[in-house]
N, C-alpha and C. Protein backbone atom coordinates (compact mmCIF):
# COMPACT_ATOMS: atom_id res chain seq x y z
N MET A 1 0.82 -1.20 -0.03
CA MET A 1 0.41 -0.17 -0.06
C MET A 1 0.84 1.29 0.02
N LYS A 2 1.79 1.40 0.44
CA LYS A 2 2.83 2.50 0.87
C LYS A 2 3.77 2.60 -0.42
N ASN A 3 3.75 1.64 -1.29
CA ASN A 3 4.69 1.64 -2.70
C ASN A 3 3.71 2.20 -3.63
N LYS A 4 2.31 2.38 -3.48
CA LYS A 4 1.66 2.59 -4.63
C LYS A 4 1.73 3.98 -5.01
N LYS A 5 2.13 3.96 -6.14
CA LYS A 5 2.43 5.20 -7.34
C LYS A 5 0.86 6.20 -7.66
N LYS A 6 1.37 6.79 -7.67
CA LYS A 6 0.19 7.92 -8.50
C LYS A 6 0.21 7.93 -9.89
N GLU A 7 -0.90 7.71 -10.53
CA GLU A 7 -0.92 7.90 -11.85
C GLU A 7 -1.23 9.42 -12.26
N GLN A 8 -0.29 9.10 -13.26
CA GLN A 8 -0.24 10.77 -14.10
C GLN A 8 -1.30 10.91 -14.87
N PRO A 9 -1.80 11.80 -15.02
CA PRO A 9 -2.48 12.72 -15.74
C PRO A 9 -2.39 12.34 -17.38
N ALA A 10 -2.86 12.29 -18.26
CA ALA A 10 -2.76 11.68 -19.28
C ALA A 10 -2.21 13.20 -20.39
N ALA A 11 -1.28 13.20 -21.08
CA ALA A 11 -0.94 14.20 -21.50
C ALA A 11 -1.85 14.74 -22.29
N GLY A 12 -2.01 15.87 -22.31
CA GLY A 12 -2.82 16.56 -23.37
C GLY A 12 -3.26 18.11 -23.76
N ILE A 13 -3.51 18.78 -24.79
CA ILE A 13 -3.46 20.11 -24.71
C ILE A 13 -4.81 20.70 -23.47
N GLN A 14 -3.94 21.78 -22.89
CA GLN A 14 -4.93 22.14 -22.12
C GLN A 14 -5.75 23.17 -22.73
N LYS A 15 -7.14 23.39 -22.30
CA LYS A 15 -8.02 24.33 -22.95
C LYS A 15 -7.77 25.94 -22.23
N THR A 16 -7.79 26.72 -23.19
CA THR A 16 -7.54 28.08 -22.48
C THR A 16 -9.26 28.47 -22.16
N PHE A 17 -9.00 29.59 -21.21
CA PHE A 17 -10.27 29.93 -20.77
C PHE A 17 -11.42 30.44 -21.60
N LEU A 18 -10.99 30.80 -22.62
CA LEU A 18 -11.74 31.44 -23.75
C LEU A 18 -12.54 30.13 -24.64
N GLN A 19 -12.04 28.90 -24.85
CA GLN A 19 -12.17 27.97 -25.28
C GLN A 19 -13.33 26.97 -24.53
N ARG A 20 -13.20 27.26 -23.20
CA ARG A 20 -13.76 26.52 -22.37
C ARG A 20 -15.37 27.16 -22.30
N PHE A 21 -15.02 28.93 -22.28
CA PHE A 21 -16.06 29.36 -22.18
C PHE A 21 -17.37 29.04 -23.21
N ARG A 22 -16.45 29.07 -24.45
CA ARG A 22 -17.36 28.90 -25.69
C ARG A 22 -17.84 27.83 -25.72
N GLU A 23 -17.69 26.49 -24.89
CA GLU A 23 -18.15 25.21 -24.86
C GLU A 23 -19.40 25.22 -24.22
N GLU A 24 -19.02 25.68 -23.04
CA GLU A 24 -20.07 26.02 -21.96
C GLU A 24 -20.98 27.13 -22.05
N LYS A 25 -21.62 27.54 -23.24
CA LYS A 25 -22.16 29.11 -23.68
C LYS A 25 -23.50 28.59 -22.74
N TYR A 26 -24.63 27.43 -22.98
CA TYR A 26 -25.54 27.26 -22.52
C TYR A 26 -25.65 27.03 -20.94
N LEU A 27 -24.51 26.61 -20.02
CA LEU A 27 -24.25 26.49 -19.07
C LEU A 27 -24.18 28.16 -18.59
N GLN A 28 -23.33 28.70 -19.26
CA GLN A 28 -23.16 30.56 -18.78
C GLN A 28 -24.61 30.82 -18.93
N LEU A 29 -25.35 30.58 -19.87
CA LEU A 29 -26.90 31.62 -20.02
C LEU A 29 -27.65 30.94 -18.95
N MET A 30 -27.82 29.79 -18.42
CA MET A 30 -28.55 29.28 -17.49
C MET A 30 -28.08 30.02 -16.12
N ALA A 31 -26.66 30.23 -15.89
CA ALA A 31 -26.58 30.87 -14.74
C ALA A 31 -26.78 32.21 -14.84
N LEU A 32 -26.32 32.75 -15.84
CA LEU A 32 -26.67 34.17 -16.35
C LEU A 32 -28.26 34.50 -15.42
N CYS A 33 -28.94 33.94 -16.16
CA CYS A 33 -30.52 34.07 -16.02
C CYS A 33 -30.64 33.74 -14.43
N GLY A 34 -29.75 32.73 -13.73
CA GLY A 34 -30.12 32.90 -12.31
C GLY A 34 -29.54 34.26 -11.32
N ILE A 35 -28.55 34.48 -12.31
CA ILE A 35 -28.04 35.83 -11.65
C ILE A 35 -28.76 36.76 -11.50
N ALA A 36 -29.30 37.20 -12.97
CA ALA A 36 -30.59 38.19 -12.96
C ALA A 36 -31.59 38.06 -12.09
N TRP A 37 -32.02 36.73 -12.18
CA TRP A 37 -33.16 36.74 -11.40
C TRP A 37 -32.73 37.57 -9.86
N MET A 38 -31.67 37.06 -9.27
CA MET A 38 -31.71 37.12 -8.17
C MET A 38 -31.19 38.65 -7.92
N LEU A 39 -30.64 39.35 -8.82
CA LEU A 39 -30.42 40.77 -8.73
C LEU A 39 -31.47 41.80 -8.55
N VAL A 40 -32.53 41.29 -9.52
CA VAL A 40 -33.95 41.87 -9.54
C VAL A 40 -34.53 41.75 -8.10
N PHE A 41 -34.98 40.56 -7.72
CA PHE A 41 -35.89 40.10 -7.06
C PHE A 41 -35.33 39.98 -5.46
N ASN A 42 -33.97 40.29 -5.23
CA ASN A 42 -33.44 40.48 -3.84
C ASN A 42 -32.68 41.27 -3.61
N TYR A 43 -32.07 42.01 -4.85
CA TYR A 43 -31.27 43.29 -4.08
C TYR A 43 -31.77 44.58 -4.77
N ALA A 44 -32.63 44.56 -5.64
CA ALA A 44 -33.04 45.72 -6.03
C ALA A 44 -34.36 46.34 -4.89
N PRO A 45 -35.21 45.32 -4.25
CA PRO A 45 -35.89 45.75 -3.21
C PRO A 45 -35.29 46.63 -2.16
N MET A 46 -34.18 46.36 -1.95
CA MET A 46 -33.36 46.72 -0.76
C MET A 46 -33.28 48.62 -1.07
N TYR A 47 -33.36 49.08 -2.42
CA TYR A 47 -33.34 50.43 -2.47
C TYR A 47 -34.39 50.87 -1.99
N GLY A 48 -35.47 50.35 -1.99
CA GLY A 48 -36.88 50.84 -1.02
C GLY A 48 -36.81 50.50 0.32
N ILE A 49 -36.00 49.48 0.85
CA ILE A 49 -36.24 49.45 2.70
C ILE A 49 -35.49 50.75 2.97
N LEU A 50 -34.13 50.83 1.86
CA LEU A 50 -33.05 51.91 2.67
C LEU A 50 -34.07 53.02 2.76
N ILE A 51 -34.85 53.60 1.64
CA ILE A 51 -35.59 54.88 1.64
C ILE A 51 -36.90 54.84 2.45
N ALA A 52 -37.02 53.68 3.18
CA ALA A 52 -38.50 53.72 4.17
C ALA A 52 -37.90 54.39 5.62
N PHE A 53 -36.58 54.28 5.90
CA PHE A 53 -35.81 54.35 6.96
C PHE A 53 -35.00 55.75 6.77
N LYS A 54 -35.10 56.77 5.91
CA LYS A 54 -34.45 57.81 5.76
C LYS A 54 -35.26 58.94 6.33
N LYS A 55 -34.95 60.25 6.68
CA LYS A 55 -35.76 61.04 7.60
C LYS A 55 -36.12 62.41 6.25
N ASN A 56 -37.22 62.48 5.70
CA ASN A 56 -37.71 63.21 4.87
C ASN A 56 -36.69 63.59 3.63
N PHE A 57 -37.20 62.16 3.22
CA PHE A 57 -36.26 61.75 1.57
C PHE A 57 -37.43 62.26 0.51
N TYR A 58 -36.45 63.40 -0.26
CA TYR A 58 -36.90 63.57 -1.34
C TYR A 58 -36.45 63.04 -2.70
N ILE A 59 -36.87 62.92 -3.48
CA ILE A 59 -36.28 61.80 -4.81
C ILE A 59 -35.38 62.98 -5.62
N THR A 60 -35.10 64.33 -5.16
CA THR A 60 -34.24 65.27 -5.84
C THR A 60 -32.89 65.47 -4.86
N THR A 61 -32.85 64.61 -3.62
CA THR A 61 -31.64 64.76 -2.94
C THR A 61 -30.95 63.57 -3.18
N PRO A 62 -29.76 63.31 -2.87
CA PRO A 62 -29.02 62.31 -2.92
C PRO A 62 -29.14 61.25 -1.98
N LEU A 63 -29.13 60.10 -2.04
CA LEU A 63 -29.89 59.05 -0.82
C LEU A 63 -28.87 59.10 0.57
N PHE A 64 -27.70 59.19 0.23
CA PHE A 64 -26.62 59.16 1.58
C PHE A 64 -26.66 59.97 2.43
N SER A 65 -27.50 61.61 1.82
CA SER A 65 -27.21 62.98 2.31
C SER A 65 -27.94 63.00 3.92
N LYS A 66 -28.99 62.01 3.73
CA LYS A 66 -30.37 62.20 4.93
C LYS A 66 -29.77 61.43 5.74
N LYS A 67 -30.03 61.67 7.05
CA LYS A 67 -29.53 60.84 8.44
C LYS A 67 -30.85 59.94 8.47
N PHE A 68 -30.43 58.57 9.32
CA PHE A 68 -31.54 57.65 9.57
C PHE A 68 -32.59 58.02 10.45
N LEU A 69 -33.55 57.43 10.69
CA LEU A 69 -34.39 57.90 11.57
C LEU A 69 -33.92 57.11 12.95
């Protein structure tokens, strides 16, 4: 058991990042849809939550210029 040699991986050409990216374009598209869904429905509403706790918030003033309640 101690003398067991590790097998060497077969020699071959490693693919570049762009080659792998092109081969997995449908996987990337599915991941992009999931990320877009998460951004729209999880992070976009946080802007409204932030506005809810601002004192005297007006749409023309910068968001971080007012103090929290």
